[in-house]
């Protein structure tokens, strides 16, 4: 079983870099189970889908701005349960949403993950040029790491075996 953890976002756009930051810290812990790869991406849509080819499962860590929960709130949900297909970096203004790209990939018979979970961190400052995270988003790193490691070591890996 091959699993991909994607740190998604842009590390020079303030809070938008949270996905990269969490993925880097996870990789640095040395606690990732065997068969788990980590990548850092700033692309959505078809380019993101292409990165998922060959994996059985995927976790995507990304900033999100819903204005419905406090900044720094960490949530996890299945990709298909995402309320807005254009949330975070899962879509690309130059091509399509990840959901549409996955449909195209399936139609092309590409080997794509049978389960994709999004771990989102509510953020506000996602368009400010800065390598610094806001205090609230930075404080969410341990929770995002805990949820990711829990998913990797529990039902996420066992749910379809």
Protein backbone atom coordinates (compact mmCIF):
# COMPACT_ATOMS: atom_id res chain seq x y z
CA UNK A 1 0.00 0.00 0.00
CA UNK A 2 1.43 3.34 -1.09
CA UNK A 3 0.25 6.53 0.57
CA UNK A 4 1.09 10.11 -0.39
CA UNK A 5 1.06 13.05 2.00
CA UNK A 6 0.84 16.34 0.10
CA UNK A 7 1.82 19.60 1.75
CA UNK A 8 -0.15 21.96 -0.48
CA UNK A 9 0.11 25.73 -0.78
CA UNK A 10 2.66 28.45 -1.33
CA UNK A 11 5.34 28.90 1.35
CA UNK A 12 5.92 32.58 0.46
CA UNK A 13 2.28 33.62 0.85
CA UNK A 14 1.96 33.73 4.64
CA UNK A 15 -0.62 31.32 6.06
CA UNK A 16 -0.97 29.65 2.66
CA UNK A 17 2.31 27.89 3.45
CA UNK A 18 0.82 25.89 6.35
CA UNK A 19 0.42 22.72 4.26
CA UNK A 20 4.12 22.70 3.41
CA UNK A 21 5.10 23.49 7.01
CA UNK A 22 3.05 20.62 8.47
CA UNK A 23 4.30 18.15 5.86
CA UNK A 24 7.93 19.15 6.49
CA UNK A 25 7.56 18.75 10.24
CA UNK A 26 5.89 15.36 9.76
CA UNK A 27 8.75 14.21 7.58
CA UNK A 28 11.28 15.50 10.12
CA UNK A 29 9.71 13.47 12.97
CA UNK A 30 10.69 10.15 11.42
CA UNK A 31 7.32 8.79 12.62
CA UNK A 32 5.76 8.23 9.21
CA UNK A 33 4.78 4.60 8.58
CA UNK A 34 6.53 2.62 5.82
CA UNK A 35 5.10 3.19 2.35
CA UNK A 36 4.32 6.86 3.01
CA UNK A 37 5.84 9.47 0.69
CA UNK A 38 5.73 13.23 1.29
CA UNK A 39 5.69 15.93 -1.39
CA UNK A 40 5.32 19.71 -1.33
CA UNK A 41 3.20 21.21 -4.09
CA UNK A 42 1.76 24.57 -5.09
CA UNK A 43 -0.48 23.22 -7.84
CA UNK A 44 -4.08 22.08 -8.00
CA UNK A 45 -6.37 20.53 -10.58
CA UNK A 46 -4.81 18.26 -13.19
CA UNK A 47 -1.23 18.83 -11.97
CA UNK A 48 -2.19 17.77 -8.46
CA UNK A 49 -4.06 14.73 -9.80
CA UNK A 50 -0.98 13.70 -11.81
CA UNK A 51 1.05 13.71 -8.57
CA UNK A 52 -1.40 11.21 -7.06
CA UNK A 53 -0.99 8.60 -9.83
CA UNK A 54 0.31 5.30 -8.49
CA UNK A 55 -0.84 5.83 -4.90
CA UNK A 56 -3.53 3.88 -3.05
CA UNK A 57 -4.39 6.67 -0.61
CA UNK A 58 -3.58 10.35 -0.17
CA UNK A 59 -3.69 12.96 2.56
CA UNK A 60 -3.67 16.58 1.39
CA UNK A 61 -2.78 19.25 3.96
CA UNK A 62 -3.84 22.74 2.90
CA UNK A 63 -4.90 26.17 4.10
CA UNK A 64 -8.57 26.95 3.61
CA UNK A 65 -10.59 30.12 4.04
CA UNK A 66 -14.26 29.48 4.79
CA UNK A 67 -14.91 32.36 7.20
CA UNK A 68 -17.09 29.87 9.12
CA UNK A 69 -14.68 28.75 11.87
CA UNK A 70 -11.94 30.51 13.85
CA UNK A 71 -8.55 30.96 12.19
CA UNK A 72 -6.33 28.02 13.12
CA UNK A 73 -9.17 25.48 13.23
CA UNK A 74 -8.02 22.10 11.90
CA UNK A 75 -10.56 19.90 10.09
CA UNK A 76 -10.37 16.67 8.13
CA UNK A 77 -12.81 15.30 5.58
CA UNK A 78 -13.00 13.17 2.46
CA UNK A 79 -12.29 15.03 -0.77
CA UNK A 80 -15.79 14.26 -2.04
CA UNK A 81 -17.26 15.95 1.07
CA UNK A 82 -15.51 19.25 0.34
CA UNK A 83 -18.21 21.91 0.28
CA UNK A 84 -16.51 24.00 -2.42
CA UNK A 85 -14.49 22.36 -5.21
CA UNK A 86 -12.41 25.54 -5.47
CA UNK A 87 -11.33 25.59 -1.82
CA UNK A 88 -7.66 26.02 -1.02
CA UNK A 89 -5.28 24.90 -3.75
CA UNK A 90 -7.31 21.86 -4.73
CA UNK A 91 -8.34 23.66 -7.88
CA UNK A 92 -6.42 25.72 -10.37
CA UNK A 93 -7.69 28.86 -12.03
CA UNK A 94 -5.94 27.69 -15.19
CA UNK A 95 -7.53 24.24 -15.48
CA UNK A 96 -10.06 22.56 -13.15
CA UNK A 97 -10.88 21.34 -9.65
CA UNK A 98 -9.17 18.27 -8.21
CA UNK A 99 -12.55 16.50 -8.21
CA UNK A 100 -12.92 17.05 -11.98
CA UNK A 101 -9.29 16.11 -12.57
CA UNK A 102 -9.82 12.86 -10.63
CA UNK A 103 -12.82 12.06 -12.83
CA UNK A 104 -10.68 12.62 -15.94
CA UNK A 105 -7.94 10.42 -14.46
CA UNK A 106 -10.41 7.62 -13.79
CA UNK A 107 -11.75 7.89 -17.34
CA UNK A 108 -8.15 7.50 -18.56
CA UNK A 109 -7.79 4.40 -16.34
CA UNK A 110 -5.01 5.95 -14.28
CA UNK A 111 -4.19 4.28 -10.96
CA UNK A 112 -5.45 6.90 -8.50
CA UNK A 113 -6.05 6.77 -4.76
CA UNK A 114 -9.33 5.16 -3.71
CA UNK A 115 -9.44 7.53 -0.74
CA UNK A 116 -8.28 11.14 -0.43
CA UNK A 117 -8.56 12.95 2.87
CA UNK A 118 -8.09 16.70 3.11
CA UNK A 119 -6.68 18.12 6.33
CA UNK A 120 -7.48 21.82 6.29
CA UNK A 121 -6.30 24.65 8.49
CA UNK A 122 -8.52 27.73 8.50
CA UNK A 123 -6.42 30.73 7.46
CA UNK A 124 -6.92 34.38 6.62
CA UNK A 125 -3.58 35.76 5.41
CA UNK A 126 -3.16 33.63 2.30
CA UNK A 127 -2.29 36.38 -0.17
CA UNK A 128 0.31 38.30 1.86
CA UNK A 129 3.91 37.93 0.67
CA UNK A 130 5.62 36.51 3.74
CA UNK A 131 7.34 33.33 4.82
CA UNK A 132 5.83 33.76 8.30
CA UNK A 133 2.62 32.14 9.50
CA UNK A 134 0.15 34.05 11.65
CA UNK A 135 0.16 33.16 15.34
CA UNK A 136 -3.17 31.28 15.12
CA UNK A 137 -2.18 29.22 12.08
CA UNK A 138 1.28 28.44 13.47
CA UNK A 139 -0.35 27.26 16.70
CA UNK A 140 -2.40 24.74 14.64
CA UNK A 141 0.69 22.82 13.45
CA UNK A 142 0.75 20.28 16.35
CA UNK A 143 -2.96 19.50 15.91
CA UNK A 144 -2.62 19.10 12.14
CA UNK A 145 0.37 16.79 12.70
CA UNK A 146 -1.53 14.77 15.31
CA UNK A 147 -4.54 14.29 13.03
CA UNK A 148 -2.33 13.34 10.07
CA UNK A 149 -0.32 10.79 12.07
CA UNK A 150 -3.51 9.38 13.57
CA UNK A 151 -5.05 8.95 10.13
CA UNK A 152 -1.89 7.34 8.80
CA UNK A 153 -1.64 4.86 11.64
CA UNK A 154 -5.30 3.96 12.07
CA UNK A 155 -8.47 3.55 10.04
CA UNK A 156 -7.22 5.52 7.03
CA UNK A 157 -4.75 2.79 6.10
CA UNK A 158 -7.07 -0.04 7.12
CA UNK A 159 -10.37 1.24 5.75
CA UNK A 160 -10.20 -0.53 2.39
CA UNK A 161 -7.94 -3.49 3.09
